[in-house]
Amino acid sequence: MTSNLKEEIIALIKKLPDDTTIDDIMYHLYVKKKILAGLKSLDEGKAIPHKQVMENAKKRLEQWLK
């Protein structure tokens, strides 16, 4: 993860407009959480290679278009 997540979150919130709602803040925190989870998966080698994703998408699209 990150060296100081708390400081990153505080900085993220400070960048938001003054009229930001709690829902806006929660959304940004959710997105940050998902990004960090994705980066962790990459670091652990759990990601699917782009080429494989594209091949699978192409196969699915071909099936839908039959």
Protein backbone atom coordinates (compact mmCIF):
# COMPACT_ATOMS: atom_id res chain seq x y z
CA MET A 1 0.00 0.00 0.00
CA THR A 2 1.14 3.51 0.72
CA SER A 3 3.57 4.80 3.29
CA ASN A 4 1.12 7.21 4.91
CA LEU A 5 -2.42 6.55 3.82
CA LYS A 6 -3.93 8.95 6.36
CA GLU A 7 -1.99 11.89 4.94
CA GLU A 8 -2.95 10.90 1.38
CA ILE A 9 -6.63 10.79 2.34
CA ILE A 10 -6.43 14.18 4.07
CA ALA A 11 -4.73 15.65 0.98
CA LEU A 12 -7.40 14.12 -1.26
CA ILE A 13 -10.19 15.70 0.81
CA LYS A 14 -8.45 19.09 0.89
CA LYS A 15 -8.38 19.12 -2.93
CA LEU A 16 -12.16 18.79 -3.11
CA PRO A 17 -14.31 21.93 -3.51
CA ASP A 18 -15.63 23.69 -0.41
CA ASP A 19 -19.21 22.68 -1.24
CA THR A 20 -18.34 18.97 -1.30
CA THR A 21 -20.93 16.73 0.31
CA ILE A 22 -20.30 13.75 2.55
CA ASP A 23 -21.48 11.55 -0.31
CA ASP A 24 -18.84 13.12 -2.58
CA ILE A 25 -16.14 12.43 -0.01
CA MET A 26 -17.33 8.85 0.46
CA TYR A 27 -17.29 8.32 -3.31
CA HIS A 28 -13.71 9.58 -3.58
CA LEU A 29 -12.65 7.37 -0.68
CA TYR A 30 -14.35 4.38 -2.34
CA VAL A 31 -12.51 5.04 -5.61
CA LYS A 32 -9.21 5.43 -3.73
CA LYS A 33 -9.84 2.13 -1.95
CA LYS A 34 -10.55 0.33 -5.24
CA ILE A 35 -7.43 1.78 -6.87
CA LEU A 36 -5.28 0.68 -3.94
CA ALA A 37 -6.83 -2.81 -4.06
CA GLY A 38 -6.10 -3.01 -7.79
CA LEU A 39 -2.50 -1.94 -7.29
CA LYS A 40 -2.11 -4.52 -4.52
CA SER A 41 -3.44 -7.22 -6.85
CA LEU A 42 -0.92 -6.18 -9.48
CA ASP A 43 1.91 -6.31 -6.95
CA GLU A 44 0.82 -9.81 -5.92
CA GLY A 45 0.65 -11.01 -9.53
CA LYS A 46 -3.11 -11.58 -9.38
CA ALA A 47 -3.95 -9.41 -12.38
CA ILE A 48 -5.07 -10.78 -15.75
CA PRO A 49 -2.79 -9.76 -18.63
CA HIS A 50 -4.30 -7.23 -21.06
CA LYS A 51 -3.88 -9.60 -24.00
CA GLN A 52 -5.93 -12.29 -22.24
CA VAL A 53 -8.67 -9.80 -21.34
CA MET A 54 -8.91 -8.65 -24.95
CA GLU A 55 -9.04 -12.23 -26.27
CA ASN A 56 -11.83 -13.11 -23.84
CA ALA A 57 -13.76 -9.96 -24.74
CA LYS A 58 -13.42 -10.73 -28.43
CA LYS A 59 -14.74 -14.28 -27.91
CA ARG A 60 -17.72 -13.00 -25.92
CA LEU A 61 -18.53 -10.37 -28.50
CA GLU A 62 -18.38 -12.96 -31.28
CA GLN A 63 -20.84 -15.14 -29.34
CA TRP A 64 -23.24 -12.24 -28.80
CA LEU A 65 -23.17 -11.33 -32.49
CA LYS A 66 -24.11 -14.84 -33.69
